[in-house]
Protein backbone atom coordinates (compact mmCIF):
# COMPACT_ATOMS: atom_id res chain seq x y z
CA UNK A 1 1.80 2.22 25.84
CA UNK A 2 3.58 2.10 21.62
CA UNK A 3 6.30 2.90 20.72
CA UNK A 4 6.00 6.37 18.51
CA UNK A 5 5.82 5.71 14.81
CA UNK A 6 9.37 6.84 13.59
CA UNK A 7 9.20 9.61 10.75
CA UNK A 8 10.54 10.59 7.50
CA UNK A 9 11.77 14.27 6.70
CA UNK A 10 12.17 15.14 3.05
CA UNK A 11 13.63 18.74 2.43
CA UNK A 12 12.93 20.07 -1.78
CA UNK A 13 11.60 23.35 -3.14
CA UNK A 14 9.97 20.70 -5.91
CA UNK A 15 6.46 20.93 -3.60
CA UNK A 16 5.48 17.74 -6.80
CA UNK A 17 8.96 15.45 -5.32
CA UNK A 18 7.97 16.62 -2.14
CA UNK A 19 4.44 14.94 -2.66
CA UNK A 20 5.37 11.85 -4.19
CA UNK A 21 8.11 10.49 -1.93
CA UNK A 22 5.95 11.35 0.60
CA UNK A 23 3.62 8.69 -0.79
CA UNK A 24 5.76 6.71 -1.43
CA UNK A 25 6.86 6.40 2.26
CA UNK A 26 3.19 5.65 3.16
CA UNK A 27 3.02 3.21 1.00
CA UNK A 28 5.59 1.37 3.44
CA UNK A 29 4.07 2.44 6.54
CA UNK A 30 6.54 5.41 7.07
CA UNK A 31 5.07 8.07 7.78
CA UNK A 32 6.51 12.07 6.75
CA UNK A 33 7.18 15.74 7.11
CA UNK A 34 8.59 18.11 3.72
CA UNK A 35 10.07 21.72 3.83
CA UNK A 36 10.35 23.72 0.80
CA UNK A 37 13.51 24.34 2.03
CA UNK A 38 17.33 23.89 4.20
CA UNK A 39 16.76 26.75 6.49
CA UNK A 40 13.24 25.51 7.13
CA UNK A 41 13.78 22.75 8.19
CA UNK A 42 16.72 23.31 9.90
CA UNK A 43 15.09 25.67 12.24
CA UNK A 44 12.28 23.56 13.23
CA UNK A 45 14.61 20.70 14.37
CA UNK A 46 15.87 22.67 17.23
CA UNK A 47 12.21 24.47 17.82
CA UNK A 48 10.60 21.66 19.29
CA UNK A 49 12.22 19.28 22.27
CA UNK A 50 10.40 16.25 20.88
CA UNK A 51 10.66 16.89 16.91
CA UNK A 52 12.81 13.87 16.49
CA UNK A 53 12.64 12.66 13.05
CA UNK A 54 14.58 9.33 12.14
CA UNK A 55 15.79 10.29 8.73
CA UNK A 56 16.02 13.06 5.66
CA UNK A 57 15.74 12.78 2.75
CA UNK A 58 17.53 15.95 0.92
CA UNK A 59 17.52 16.95 -2.30
CA UNK A 60 20.75 18.21 -3.32
CA UNK A 61 20.17 21.61 -5.72
CA UNK A 62 17.95 23.81 -3.52
CA UNK A 63 17.88 27.93 -3.04
CA UNK A 64 19.53 28.47 -0.12
CA UNK A 65 20.75 26.48 1.64
CA UNK A 66 21.67 23.12 -0.70
CA UNK A 67 21.42 19.87 0.81
CA UNK A 68 25.22 18.97 0.96
CA UNK A 69 24.90 22.91 3.46
CA UNK A 70 22.17 21.02 5.54
CA UNK A 71 24.04 17.80 6.03
CA UNK A 72 26.96 19.81 6.93
CA UNK A 73 24.91 21.42 9.46
CA UNK A 74 23.45 18.27 10.79
CA UNK A 75 26.77 16.85 11.51
CA UNK A 76 26.68 14.73 14.72
CA UNK A 77 23.50 15.16 15.30
CA UNK A 78 23.29 11.40 14.07
CA UNK A 79 20.75 11.63 11.37
CA UNK A 80 20.70 9.14 8.49
CA UNK A 81 21.23 11.51 5.41
CA UNK A 82 19.99 10.52 1.99
CA UNK A 83 19.97 12.61 -0.75
CA UNK A 84 18.15 12.69 -3.27
CA UNK A 85 19.21 14.77 -7.08
CA UNK A 86 18.51 15.38 -10.80
CA UNK A 87 22.21 16.72 -10.93
CA UNK A 88 24.42 12.91 -10.43
CA UNK A 89 27.89 15.20 -10.19
CA UNK A 90 29.90 12.77 -9.64
CA UNK A 91 31.69 14.99 -7.36
CA UNK A 92 28.96 16.36 -5.07
CA UNK A 93 27.52 12.55 -5.03
CA UNK A 94 31.60 11.05 -3.22
CA UNK A 95 31.07 14.74 -1.23
CA UNK A 96 28.05 13.70 0.65
CA UNK A 97 28.78 9.86 0.44
CA UNK A 98 32.19 10.20 2.90
CA UNK A 99 30.67 13.21 4.91
CA UNK A 100 27.55 10.44 6.21
CA UNK A 101 25.01 10.11 3.27
CA UNK A 102 23.10 6.57 3.85
CA UNK A 103 22.65 6.87 -0.01
CA UNK A 104 22.86 9.22 -2.93
CA UNK A 105 19.94 8.42 -5.27
CA UNK A 106 19.61 10.13 -8.65
CA UNK A 107 15.95 11.44 -10.40
CA UNK A 108 14.04 9.45 -10.84
CA UNK A 109 15.13 6.55 -8.77
CA UNK A 110 13.69 2.84 -8.30
CA UNK A 111 11.61 1.93 -6.25
CA UNK A 112 12.95 -0.43 -4.40
CA UNK A 113 16.45 1.00 -4.22
CA UNK A 114 14.62 4.09 -2.13
CA UNK A 115 12.83 1.61 0.09
CA UNK A 116 15.91 -0.37 0.99
CA UNK A 117 17.99 2.87 1.74
CA UNK A 118 15.35 4.62 3.69
CA UNK A 119 14.44 1.19 5.88
CA UNK A 120 18.50 0.64 6.20
CA UNK A 121 18.32 4.18 7.45
CA UNK A 122 15.15 3.27 9.79
CA UNK A 123 17.06 0.49 11.24
CA UNK A 124 13.93 -1.18 9.58
CA UNK A 125 16.07 -4.13 7.20
């Protein structure tokens, strides 16, 4: 029996952004699931024993828990984090990267840079 295909979680309160990212991921053979909030994602994570995303793509600015808070709560999980944001604040970028984020991409981002970050997170490069 083959190894299960890795999947990525997209956490963004903008449904059109989530759909676009999932479409990009499918184009490189990566499955994705999306959540509209950090709270919804964090609630789902421990509730399903076999639920192990290979990477999480977080928006920085969301109602409720922002992306940095979700990243903080994931600390120690070993789950790679890639940030996407429309608000490129150098202080937030530094905070995200110093906390271990693999990438911090400003929307709209270059698809090839996004693909490289995802492939790196999934160990495909």
